[in-house]
């Protein structure tokens, strides 16, 4: 088994009860809605929502897991939290490496968005308020899907599906890398970073210093433009995985006139995706900032 899959599988199992123990009786959950029948469990979604007379805004969530692991069930906690604020949460799975190579996961995110646009009448949705979100690897795939939506050249170069729905209202990422080469080529214990590269791109590199594949297409910063949607970036100041990438993304967005918001966690214990742990000291101010942003969008 790949070392990266061992590492992230252990992380999923250990963190699952710590991240997802909170429940809210007001939230209804429907599991395993199929948004692409070709790929079984990889292209299903769970939906979370509360009773509402008004049309529900939509929050599409893409889980993390190091590009090689993870599952929608490991993000049930944050899905319930957002749903309790009146959002219709679509918590998706996507095809994982190494079985499926880049850009399969980006294709799945776009297809899930197209699926959401077919649910308007059934769930009384406000399709003018679709927020695309994700954490870690899921944050990257959310941002990469946005890049493909706003850059036809990127979409065509990777043969990705066209997004056919209403314009995204916002992108919200948590601890997301935007420049894969920077984090995938950093030295890591047991060669995990190089192993992730091999899993995602189907390569067979050893050690470090290799020529990174798909440098142009995989770097989200290369595809930010003036058409991009409003963006909220949540990150930790001390992030061992994607630290140092936030500033460049924020600057790129602002250079293109994109309305941009940030929350950078610097409370003791804030680290990569620590916002998913309800009991941590830094989680509340992070989530409060995110909820304030979402409440504002919902009230428009």
C-alpha atoms as a PDB file:
ATOM      1  CA  UNK A   1       0.000   0.000   0.000  1.00  0.00           C
ATOM      2  CA  UNK A   2       1.158   3.549  -0.673  1.00  0.00           C
ATOM      3  CA  UNK A   3       2.654   5.265   2.387  1.00  0.00           C
ATOM      4  CA  UNK A   4       0.409   8.280   1.845  1.00  0.00           C
ATOM      5  CA  UNK A   5      -2.729   6.121   1.970  1.00  0.00           C
ATOM      6  CA  UNK A   6      -1.603   4.527   5.237  1.00  0.00           C
ATOM      7  CA  UNK A   7      -0.914   7.951   6.769  1.00  0.00           C
ATOM      8  CA  UNK A   8      -4.201   9.553   5.755  1.00  0.00           C
ATOM      9  CA  UNK A   9      -6.316   6.475   6.493  1.00  0.00           C
ATOM     10  CA  UNK A  10      -5.018   6.484  10.071  1.00  0.00           C
ATOM     11  CA  UNK A  11      -5.751  10.219  10.262  1.00  0.00           C
ATOM     12  CA  UNK A  12      -9.339   9.668   9.093  1.00  0.00           C
ATOM     13  CA  UNK A  13     -10.010   6.902  11.598  1.00  0.00           C
ATOM     14  CA  UNK A  14      -8.437   8.700  14.555  1.00  0.00           C
ATOM     15  CA  UNK A  15     -10.029  12.074  13.863  1.00  0.00           C
ATOM     16  CA  UNK A  16     -13.511  10.905  12.827  1.00  0.00           C
ATOM     17  CA  UNK A  17     -15.043  10.743  16.345  1.00  0.00           C
ATOM     18  CA  UNK A  18     -13.240  13.930  17.391  1.00  0.00           C
ATOM     19  CA  UNK A  19     -14.547  15.938  14.440  1.00  0.00           C
ATOM     20  CA  UNK A  20     -18.074  14.632  14.054  1.00  0.00           C
ATOM     21  CA  UNK A  21     -19.528  13.949  17.479  1.00  0.00           C
ATOM     22  CA  UNK A  22     -21.881  16.955  17.521  1.00  0.00           C
ATOM     23  CA  UNK A  23     -25.472  16.417  16.406  1.00  0.00           C
ATOM     24  CA  UNK A  24     -28.403  18.748  15.741  1.00  0.00           C
ATOM     25  CA  UNK A  25     -31.895  17.269  15.825  1.00  0.00           C
ATOM     26  CA  UNK A  26     -33.202  19.988  13.519  1.00  0.00           C
ATOM     27  CA  UNK A  27     -31.042  18.762  10.619  1.00  0.00           C
ATOM     28  CA  UNK A  28     -32.418  16.189   8.188  1.00  0.00           C
ATOM     29  CA  UNK A  29     -29.876  13.963   6.423  1.00  0.00           C
ATOM     30  CA  UNK A  30     -30.363  12.044   3.174  1.00  0.00           C
ATOM     31  CA  UNK A  31     -27.478   9.826   2.159  1.00  0.00           C
ATOM     32  CA  UNK A  32     -25.946   8.566  -1.057  1.00  0.00           C
ATOM     33  CA  UNK A  33     -27.655  10.622  -3.738  1.00  0.00           C
ATOM     34  CA  UNK A  34     -25.974   9.610  -7.006  1.00  0.00           C
ATOM     35  CA  UNK A  35     -24.656  12.500  -9.081  1.00  0.00           C
ATOM     36  CA  UNK A  36     -22.722  10.351 -11.575  1.00  0.00           C
ATOM     37  CA  UNK A  37     -23.759   6.715 -11.989  1.00  0.00           C
ATOM     38  CA  UNK A  38     -20.473   5.645 -13.584  1.00  0.00           C
ATOM     39  CA  UNK A  39     -18.276   5.489 -10.486  1.00  0.00           C
ATOM     40  CA  UNK A  40     -20.225   3.927  -7.629  1.00  0.00           C
ATOM     41  CA  UNK A  41     -19.482   5.204  -4.124  1.00  0.00           C
ATOM     42  CA  UNK A  42     -17.024   7.777  -5.428  1.00  0.00           C
ATOM     43  CA  UNK A  43     -19.718   9.958  -6.964  1.00  0.00           C
ATOM     44  CA  UNK A  44     -22.424  10.048  -4.341  1.00  0.00           C
ATOM     45  CA  UNK A  45     -23.481  12.863  -2.037  1.00  0.00           C
ATOM     46  CA  UNK A  46     -25.191  13.272   1.320  1.00  0.00           C
ATOM     47  CA  UNK A  47     -27.517  16.240   1.766  1.00  0.00           C
ATOM     48  CA  UNK A  48     -28.217  18.073   5.032  1.00  0.00           C
ATOM     49  CA  UNK A  49     -30.998  20.610   5.550  1.00  0.00           C
ATOM     50  CA  UNK A  50     -33.545  22.052   7.967  1.00  0.00           C
ATOM     51  CA  UNK A  51     -37.190  23.008   7.493  1.00  0.00           C
ATOM     52  CA  UNK A  52     -37.573  26.255   5.584  1.00  0.00           C
ATOM     53  CA  UNK A  53     -40.340  28.192   3.894  1.00  0.00           C
ATOM     54  CA  UNK A  54     -37.816  30.330   2.022  1.00  0.00           C
ATOM     55  CA  UNK A  55     -35.634  28.952  -0.788  1.00  0.00           C
ATOM     56  CA  UNK A  56     -32.504  27.337   0.660  1.00  0.00           C
ATOM     57  CA  UNK A  57     -29.044  28.615  -0.325  1.00  0.00           C
ATOM     58  CA  UNK A  58     -26.643  25.818  -1.281  1.00  0.00           C
ATOM     59  CA  UNK A  59     -23.300  24.846   0.261  1.00  0.00           C
ATOM     60  CA  UNK A  60     -21.363  22.202  -1.699  1.00  0.00           C
ATOM     61  CA  UNK A  61     -18.645  20.643   0.457  1.00  0.00           C
ATOM     62  CA  UNK A  62     -15.600  18.700  -0.786  1.00  0.00           C
ATOM     63  CA  UNK A  63     -13.813  16.634   1.877  1.00  0.00           C
ATOM     64  CA  UNK A  64     -10.066  16.499   2.403  1.00  0.00           C
ATOM     65  CA  UNK A  65      -7.903  13.425   2.803  1.00  0.00           C
ATOM     66  CA  UNK A  66      -4.520  13.961   1.205  1.00  0.00           C
ATOM     67  CA  UNK A  67      -5.847  13.299  -2.334  1.00  0.00           C
ATOM     68  CA  UNK A  68      -5.748   9.562  -1.649  1.00  0.00           C
ATOM     69  CA  UNK A  69      -8.216   9.005   1.214  1.00  0.00           C
ATOM     70  CA  UNK A  70     -11.243  10.565   2.870  1.00  0.00           C
ATOM     71  CA  UNK A  71     -14.987  10.233   2.585  1.00  0.00           C
ATOM     72  CA  UNK A  72     -18.006  12.477   2.963  1.00  0.00           C
ATOM     73  CA  UNK A  73     -18.905  10.794   6.265  1.00  0.00           C
ATOM     74  CA  UNK A  74     -15.755  12.279   7.801  1.00  0.00           C
ATOM     75  CA  UNK A  75     -17.198  15.779   7.276  1.00  0.00           C
ATOM     76  CA  UNK A  76     -20.645  15.191   8.756  1.00  0.00           C
ATOM     77  CA  UNK A  77     -19.909  17.509  11.682  1.00  0.00           C
ATOM     78  CA  UNK A  78     -19.268  20.628   9.655  1.00  0.00           C
ATOM     79  CA  UNK A  79     -22.055  19.679   7.231  1.00  0.00           C
ATOM     80  CA  UNK A  80     -24.538  19.623  10.115  1.00  0.00           C
ATOM     81  CA  UNK A  81     -23.205  22.893  11.496  1.00  0.00           C
ATOM     82  CA  UNK A  82     -23.664  24.736   8.176  1.00  0.00           C
ATOM     83  CA  UNK A  83     -27.059  23.121   7.550  1.00  0.00           C
ATOM     84  CA  UNK A  84     -28.268  24.307  10.955  1.00  0.00           C
ATOM     85  CA  UNK A  85     -27.648  27.870   9.709  1.00  0.00           C
ATOM     86  CA  UNK A  86     -30.253  27.359   6.987  1.00  0.00           C
ATOM     87  CA  UNK A  87     -28.035  26.116   4.154  1.00  0.00           C
ATOM     88  CA  UNK A  88     -28.756  23.110   1.982  1.00  0.00           C
ATOM     89  CA  UNK A  89     -25.459  21.251   2.328  1.00  0.00           C
ATOM     90  CA  UNK A  90     -24.354  18.847  -0.411  1.00  0.00           C
ATOM     91  CA  UNK A  91     -21.471  16.837   1.042  1.00  0.00           C
ATOM     92  CA  UNK A  92     -19.809  14.991  -1.824  1.00  0.00           C
ATOM     93  CA  UNK A  93     -17.445  12.145  -2.483  1.00  0.00           C
ATOM     94  CA  UNK A  94     -15.114  12.160  -5.478  1.00  0.00           C
ATOM     95  CA  UNK A  95     -12.729   9.763  -7.177  1.00  0.00           C
ATOM     96  CA  UNK A  96      -9.518   9.258  -5.223  1.00  0.00           C
ATOM     97  CA  UNK A  97      -5.947   8.638  -6.299  1.00  0.00           C
ATOM     98  CA  UNK A  98      -4.174   6.393  -7.082  1.00  0.00           C
ATOM     99  CA  UNK A  99      -7.068   4.489  -8.668  1.00  0.00           C
ATOM    100  CA  UNK A 100      -8.182   7.643 -10.464  1.00  0.00           C
ATOM    101  CA  UNK A 101      -5.667  10.177 -11.713  1.00  0.00           C
ATOM    102  CA  UNK A 102      -5.695  13.942 -12.088  1.00  0.00           C
ATOM    103  CA  UNK A 103      -8.015  15.632 -13.016  1.00  0.00           C
ATOM    104  CA  UNK A 104     -10.741  13.054 -12.208  1.00  0.00           C
ATOM    105  CA  UNK A 105     -11.640  14.649  -8.870  1.00  0.00           C
ATOM    106  CA  UNK A 106     -12.040  18.082 -10.457  1.00  0.00           C
ATOM    107  CA  UNK A 107     -14.391  16.548 -13.011  1.00  0.00           C
ATOM    108  CA  UNK A 108     -16.453  15.077 -10.166  1.00  0.00           C
ATOM    109  CA  UNK A 109     -16.752  18.429  -8.399  1.00  0.00           C
ATOM    110  CA  UNK A 110     -18.044  20.077 -11.581  1.00  0.00           C
ATOM    111  CA  UNK A 111     -20.489  17.220 -12.178  1.00  0.00           C
ATOM    112  CA  UNK A 112     -21.750  17.518  -8.604  1.00  0.00           C
ATOM    113  CA  UNK A 113     -22.438  21.218  -9.181  1.00  0.00           C
ATOM    114  CA  UNK A 114     -24.377  20.409 -12.334  1.00  0.00           C
ATOM    115  CA  UNK A 115     -26.342  17.848 -10.317  1.00  0.00           C
ATOM    116  CA  UNK A 116     -27.185  20.442  -7.670  1.00  0.00           C
ATOM    117  CA  UNK A 117     -28.795  22.574 -10.345  1.00  0.00           C
ATOM    118  CA  UNK A 118     -31.286  19.742 -11.025  1.00  0.00           C
ATOM    119  CA  UNK A 119     -32.493  19.724  -7.395  1.00  0.00           C
ATOM    120  CA  UNK A 120     -34.089  23.168  -7.291  1.00  0.00           C
ATOM    121  CA  UNK A 121     -37.727  22.119  -7.226  1.00  0.00           C
ATOM    122  CA  UNK A 122     -37.349  19.003  -5.078  1.00  0.00           C
ATOM    123  CA  UNK A 123     -35.578  20.837  -2.246  1.00  0.00           C
ATOM    124  CA  UNK A 124     -36.726  24.429  -2.860  1.00  0.00           C
ATOM    125  CA  UNK A 125     -33.219  25.758  -3.552  1.00  0.00           C
ATOM    126  CA  UNK A 126     -31.960  29.267  -4.236  1.00  0.00           C
ATOM    127  CA  UNK A 127     -29.546  28.552  -7.079  1.00  0.00           C
ATOM    128  CA  UNK A 128     -28.324  32.152  -7.116  1.00  0.00           C
ATOM    129  CA  UNK A 129     -26.597  31.373  -3.827  1.00  0.00           C
ATOM    130  CA  UNK A 130     -24.305  28.407  -4.396  1.00  0.00           C
ATOM    131  CA  UNK A 131     -21.143  28.359  -2.281  1.00  0.00           C
ATOM    132  CA  UNK A 132     -18.449  25.854  -3.258  1.00  0.00           C
ATOM    133  CA  UNK A 133     -16.248  24.811  -0.353  1.00  0.00           C
ATOM    134  CA  UNK A 134     -13.663  22.277   0.728  1.00  0.00           C
ATOM    135  CA  UNK A 135     -10.821  21.656   3.140  1.00  0.00           C
ATOM    136  CA  UNK A 136      -7.237  20.633   2.423  1.00  0.00           C
ATOM    137  CA  UNK A 137      -7.256  18.446  -0.720  1.00  0.00           C
ATOM    138  CA  UNK A 138     -10.978  19.136  -1.017  1.00  0.00           C
ATOM    139  CA  UNK A 139     -10.266  22.853  -0.858  1.00  0.00           C
ATOM    140  CA  UNK A 140      -7.804  22.452  -3.689  1.00  0.00           C
ATOM    141  CA  UNK A 141     -10.304  20.548  -5.816  1.00  0.00           C
ATOM    142  CA  UNK A 142     -13.000  23.152  -5.087  1.00  0.00           C
ATOM    143  CA  UNK A 143     -10.624  25.932  -6.175  1.00  0.00           C
ATOM    144  CA  UNK A 144      -9.440  23.951  -9.212  1.00  0.00           C
ATOM    145  CA  UNK A 145     -13.048  23.356 -10.265  1.00  0.00           C
ATOM    146  CA  UNK A 146     -13.683  27.089  -9.935  1.00  0.00           C
ATOM    147  CA  UNK A 147     -10.607  27.711 -12.091  1.00  0.00           C
ATOM    148  CA  UNK A 148     -12.013  25.397 -14.775  1.00  0.00           C
ATOM    149  CA  UNK A 149     -15.386  27.147 -14.606  1.00  0.00           C
ATOM    150  CA  UNK A 150     -13.868  30.608 -15.015  1.00  0.00           C
ATOM    151  CA  UNK A 151     -11.136  29.642 -17.472  1.00  0.00           C
ATOM    152  CA  UNK A 152     -12.472  27.904 -20.594  1.00  0.00           C
ATOM    153  CA  UNK A 153      -8.887  27.354 -21.765  1.00  0.00           C
ATOM    154  CA  UNK A 154      -8.086  25.298 -18.660  1.00  0.00           C
ATOM    155  CA  UNK A 155     -11.322  23.333 -18.936  1.00  0.00           C
ATOM    156  CA  UNK A 156     -10.684  22.497 -22.573  1.00  0.00           C
ATOM    157  CA  UNK A 157      -7.021  21.597 -22.015  1.00  0.00           C
ATOM    158  CA  UNK A 158      -8.019  19.007 -19.394  1.00  0.00           C
ATOM    159  CA  UNK A 159     -11.188  17.878 -21.215  1.00  0.00           C
ATOM    160  CA  UNK A 160     -13.321  18.727 -18.206  1.00  0.00           C
ATOM    161  CA  UNK A 161     -17.112  18.994 -18.358  1.00  0.00           C
ATOM    162  CA  UNK A 162     -18.741  22.370 -18.754  1.00  0.00           C
ATOM    163  CA  UNK A 163     -20.539  23.821 -15.780  1.00  0.00           C
ATOM    164  CA  UNK A 164     -24.133  24.430 -16.835  1.00  0.00           C
ATOM    165  CA  UNK A 165     -25.637  25.993 -13.722  1.00  0.00           C
ATOM    166  CA  UNK A 166     -26.074  29.421 -12.212  1.00  0.00           C
ATOM    167  CA  UNK A 167     -22.896  31.393 -11.452  1.00  0.00           C
ATOM    168  CA  UNK A 168     -21.228  30.443  -8.177  1.00  0.00           C
ATOM    169  CA  UNK A 169     -21.964  32.958  -5.454  1.00  0.00           C
ATOM    170  CA  UNK A 170     -18.722  32.278  -3.595  1.00  0.00           C
ATOM    171  CA  UNK A 171     -15.763  29.979  -3.032  1.00  0.00           C
ATOM    172  CA  UNK A 172     -14.829  29.106   0.563  1.00  0.00           C
ATOM    173  CA  UNK A 173     -11.665  27.135   1.284  1.00  0.00           C
ATOM    174  CA  UNK A 174     -10.164  25.805   4.503  1.00  0.00           C
ATOM    175  CA  UNK A 175      -6.406  25.159   4.668  1.00  0.00           C
ATOM    176  CA  UNK A 176      -6.289  24.597   0.918  1.00  0.00           C
ATOM    177  CA  UNK A 177      -3.117  24.425  -1.142  1.00  0.00           C
ATOM    178  CA  UNK A 178      -3.420  26.262  -4.443  1.00  0.00           C
ATOM    179  CA  UNK A 179       0.028  25.461  -5.823  1.00  0.00           C
ATOM    180  CA  UNK A 180       0.507  21.686  -5.672  1.00  0.00           C
ATOM    181  CA  UNK A 181       4.143  21.703  -6.690  1.00  0.00           C
ATOM    182  CA  UNK A 182       5.081  23.648  -3.575  1.00  0.00           C
ATOM    183  CA  UNK A 183       3.572  21.187  -1.099  1.00  0.00           C
ATOM    184  CA  UNK A 184       3.988  17.968  -3.081  1.00  0.00           C
ATOM    185  CA  UNK A 185       7.731  18.471  -3.533  1.00  0.00           C
ATOM    186  CA  UNK A 186       8.454  19.477   0.081  1.00  0.00           C
ATOM    187  CA  UNK A 187      10.397  16.898   2.051  1.00  0.00           C
ATOM    188  CA  UNK A 188       8.166  14.852   4.337  1.00  0.00           C
ATOM    189  CA  UNK A 189       8.621  11.773   6.580  1.00  0.00           C
ATOM    190  CA  UNK A 190       8.584   8.429   4.754  1.00  0.00           C
ATOM    191  CA  UNK A 191       8.490  10.216   1.375  1.00  0.00           C
ATOM    192  CA  UNK A 192       4.761  10.891   1.752  1.00  0.00           C
ATOM    193  CA  UNK A 193       4.785  14.013  -0.427  1.00  0.00           C
ATOM    194  CA  UNK A 194       6.499  12.275  -3.349  1.00  0.00           C
ATOM    195  CA  UNK A 195       4.164   9.317  -2.942  1.00  0.00           C
ATOM    196  CA  UNK A 196       1.154  11.658  -3.218  1.00  0.00           C
ATOM    197  CA  UNK A 197       2.589  13.061  -6.451  1.00  0.00           C
ATOM    198  CA  UNK A 198       2.915   9.548  -7.848  1.00  0.00           C
ATOM    199  CA  UNK A 199      -0.621   8.664  -6.776  1.00  0.00           C
ATOM    200  CA  UNK A 200      -2.245  11.798  -8.198  1.00  0.00           C
ATOM    201  CA  UNK A 201      -0.358  11.961 -11.481  1.00  0.00           C
ATOM    202  CA  UNK A 202       0.493   8.304 -12.119  1.00  0.00           C
ATOM    203  CA  UNK A 203       4.230   8.926 -12.015  1.00  0.00           C
ATOM    204  CA  UNK A 204       7.005   6.882 -10.444  1.00  0.00           C
ATOM    205  CA  UNK A 205       9.356   9.449  -8.952  1.00  0.00           C
ATOM    206  CA  UNK A 206      11.925   8.652  -6.287  1.00  0.00           C
ATOM    207  CA  UNK A 207      13.273  11.140  -3.778  1.00  0.00           C
ATOM    208  CA  UNK A 208      13.014  14.858  -4.546  1.00  0.00           C
ATOM    209  CA  UNK A 209      14.084  17.327  -7.209  1.00  0.00           C
ATOM    210  CA  UNK A 210      12.012  15.784 -10.014  1.00  0.00           C
ATOM    211  CA  UNK A 211      10.291  17.794 -12.732  1.00  0.00           C
ATOM    212  CA  UNK A 212       6.768  18.256 -11.439  1.00  0.00           C
ATOM    213  CA  UNK A 213       4.005  17.093 -13.832  1.00  0.00           C
ATOM    214  CA  UNK A 214       1.164  19.346 -14.983  1.00  0.00           C
ATOM    215  CA  UNK A 215       2.846  22.428 -13.523  1.00  0.00           C
ATOM    216  CA  UNK A 216       0.776  24.909 -15.504  1.00  0.00           C
ATOM    217  CA  UNK A 217      -2.660  23.321 -15.316  1.00  0.00           C
ATOM    218  CA  UNK A 218      -2.526  22.230 -11.666  1.00  0.00           C
ATOM    219  CA  UNK A 219      -1.498  25.634 -10.283  1.00  0.00           C
ATOM    220  CA  UNK A 220      -4.764  27.418  -9.481  1.00  0.00           C
ATOM    221  CA  UNK A 221      -3.012  30.799  -9.357  1.00  0.00           C
ATOM    222  CA  UNK A 222      -2.332  30.544 -13.089  1.00  0.00           C
ATOM    223  CA  UNK A 223      -6.054  30.607 -13.827  1.00  0.00           C
ATOM    224  CA  UNK A 224      -7.472  33.271 -11.525  1.00  0.00           C
ATOM    225  CA  UNK A 225      -9.106  36.026 -13.569  1.00  0.00           C
ATOM    226  CA  UNK A 226     -11.554  38.910 -13.299  1.00  0.00           C
ATOM    227  CA  UNK A 227     -14.548  36.573 -13.685  1.00  0.00           C
ATOM    228  CA  UNK A 228     -13.778  34.729 -10.445  1.00  0.00           C
ATOM    229  CA  UNK A 229     -16.452  34.665  -7.707  1.00  0.00           C
ATOM    230  CA  UNK A 230     -16.195  36.250  -4.265  1.00  0.00           C
ATOM    231  CA  UNK A 231     -13.810  34.180  -2.145  1.00  0.00           C
ATOM    232  CA  UNK A 232     -13.263  33.476   1.547  1.00  0.00           C
ATOM    233  CA  UNK A 233      -9.977  31.804   2.502  1.00  0.00           C
ATOM    234  CA  UNK A 234      -9.618  30.270   5.953  1.00  0.00           C
ATOM    235  CA  UNK A 235      -6.153  29.088   6.916  1.00  0.00           C
ATOM    236  CA  UNK A 236      -3.804  28.523   9.848  1.00  0.00           C
ATOM    237  CA  UNK A 237      -0.723  30.662  10.293  1.00  0.00           C
ATOM    238  CA  UNK A 238       1.289  27.574  11.212  1.00  0.00           C
ATOM    239  CA  UNK A 239       0.288  24.972   8.639  1.00  0.00           C
ATOM    240  CA  UNK A 240       2.793  22.226   7.957  1.00  0.00           C
ATOM    241  CA  UNK A 241       1.119  21.179   4.699  1.00  0.00           C
ATOM    242  CA  UNK A 242       0.189  24.309   2.776  1.00  0.00           C
ATOM    243  CA  UNK A 243       1.729  27.126   4.759  1.00  0.00           C
ATOM    244  CA  UNK A 244       2.938  30.095   2.725  1.00  0.00           C
ATOM    245  CA  UNK A 245       0.434  29.657  -0.111  1.00  0.00           C
ATOM    246  CA  UNK A 246      -2.375  31.854   1.138  1.00  0.00           C
ATOM    247  CA  UNK A 247      -0.688  35.206   0.591  1.00  0.00           C
ATOM    248  CA  UNK A 248      -0.005  34.520  -3.076  1.00  0.00           C
ATOM    249  CA  UNK A 249      -3.591  33.403  -3.719  1.00  0.00           C
ATOM    250  CA  UNK A 250      -5.065  36.409  -1.913  1.00  0.00           C
ATOM    251  CA  UNK A 251      -2.837  38.769  -3.876  1.00  0.00           C
ATOM    252  CA  UNK A 252      -3.752  37.106  -7.159  1.00  0.00           C
ATOM    253  CA  UNK A 253      -7.447  37.453  -6.385  1.00  0.00           C
ATOM    254  CA  UNK A 254      -7.110  41.090  -5.392  1.00  0.00           C
ATOM    255  CA  UNK A 255      -5.004  41.871  -8.477  1.00  0.00           C
ATOM    256  CA  UNK A 256      -7.963  40.638 -10.542  1.00  0.00           C
ATOM    257  CA  UNK A 257     -10.488  42.710  -8.620  1.00  0.00           C
ATOM    258  CA  UNK A 258     -12.057  39.730  -6.842  1.00  0.00           C
ATOM    259  CA  UNK A 259     -13.757  40.469  -3.525  1.00  0.00           C
ATOM    260  CA  UNK A 260     -11.677  38.504  -1.030  1.00  0.00           C
ATOM    261  CA  UNK A 261     -11.961  37.705   2.680  1.00  0.00           C
ATOM    262  CA  UNK A 262      -9.556  35.833   4.948  1.00  0.00           C
ATOM    263  CA  UNK A 263      -9.372  34.298   8.375  1.00  0.00           C
ATOM    264  CA  UNK A 264      -5.865  33.290   9.465  1.00  0.00           C
ATOM    265  CA  UNK A 265      -5.878  31.272  12.665  1.00  0.00           C
ATOM    266  CA  UNK A 266      -3.023  32.108  15.023  1.00  0.00           C
ATOM    267  CA  UNK A 267      -4.389  30.894  18.347  1.00  0.00           C
ATOM    268  CA  UNK A 268      -2.272  28.261  20.080  1.00  0.00           C
ATOM    269  CA  UNK A 269      -3.146  24.885  18.570  1.00  0.00           C
ATOM    270  CA  UNK A 270      -4.368  26.259  15.233  1.00  0.00           C
ATOM    271  CA  UNK A 271      -2.937  24.026  12.521  1.00  0.00           C
ATOM    272  CA  UNK A 272      -3.909  22.241   9.336  1.00  0.00           C
ATOM    273  CA  UNK A 273      -7.702  21.759   9.371  1.00  0.00           C
ATOM    274  CA  UNK A 274      -7.947  22.181  13.142  1.00  0.00           C
ATOM    275  CA  UNK A 275     -11.197  24.082  12.467  1.00  0.00           C
ATOM    276  CA  UNK A 276     -12.856  20.655  12.136  1.00  0.00           C
ATOM    277  CA  UNK A 277     -12.264  19.910  15.840  1.00  0.00           C
ATOM    278  CA  UNK A 278     -15.121  21.548  17.819  1.00  0.00           C
ATOM    279  CA  UNK A 279     -13.314  21.427  21.168  1.00  0.00           C
ATOM    280  CA  UNK A 280     -10.194  23.353  20.107  1.00  0.00           C
ATOM    281  CA  UNK A 281      -9.802  26.916  21.353  1.00  0.00           C
ATOM    282  CA  UNK A 282      -9.214  28.336  17.889  1.00  0.00           C
ATOM    283  CA  UNK A 283     -12.189  26.637  16.236  1.00  0.00           C
ATOM    284  CA  UNK A 284     -14.917  28.962  17.493  1.00  0.00           C
ATOM    285  CA  UNK A 285     -13.465  32.250  16.175  1.00  0.00           C
ATOM    286  CA  UNK A 286     -12.695  30.572  12.851  1.00  0.00           C
ATOM    287  CA  UNK A 287     -16.184  29.145  12.447  1.00  0.00           C
ATOM    288  CA  UNK A 288     -17.733  32.394  13.721  1.00  0.00           C
ATOM    289  CA  UNK A 289     -15.970  34.306  10.931  1.00  0.00           C
ATOM    290  CA  UNK A 290     -17.140  31.778   8.347  1.00  0.00           C
ATOM    291  CA  UNK A 291     -20.726  31.779   9.648  1.00  0.00           C
ATOM    292  CA  UNK A 292     -20.802  35.586   9.611  1.00  0.00           C
ATOM    293  CA  UNK A 293     -19.770  35.486   5.951  1.00  0.00           C
ATOM    294  CA  UNK A 294     -22.372  32.837   5.092  1.00  0.00           C
ATOM    295  CA  UNK A 295     -25.126  34.628   7.037  1.00  0.00           C
ATOM    296  CA  UNK A 296     -24.408  37.769   5.031  1.00  0.00           C
ATOM    297  CA  UNK A 297     -24.695  35.871   1.741  1.00  0.00           C
ATOM    298  CA  UNK A 298     -27.873  34.156   2.896  1.00  0.00           C
ATOM    299  CA  UNK A 299     -29.493  37.481   3.832  1.00  0.00           C
ATOM    300  CA  UNK A 300     -28.847  39.151   0.462  1.00  0.00           C
END
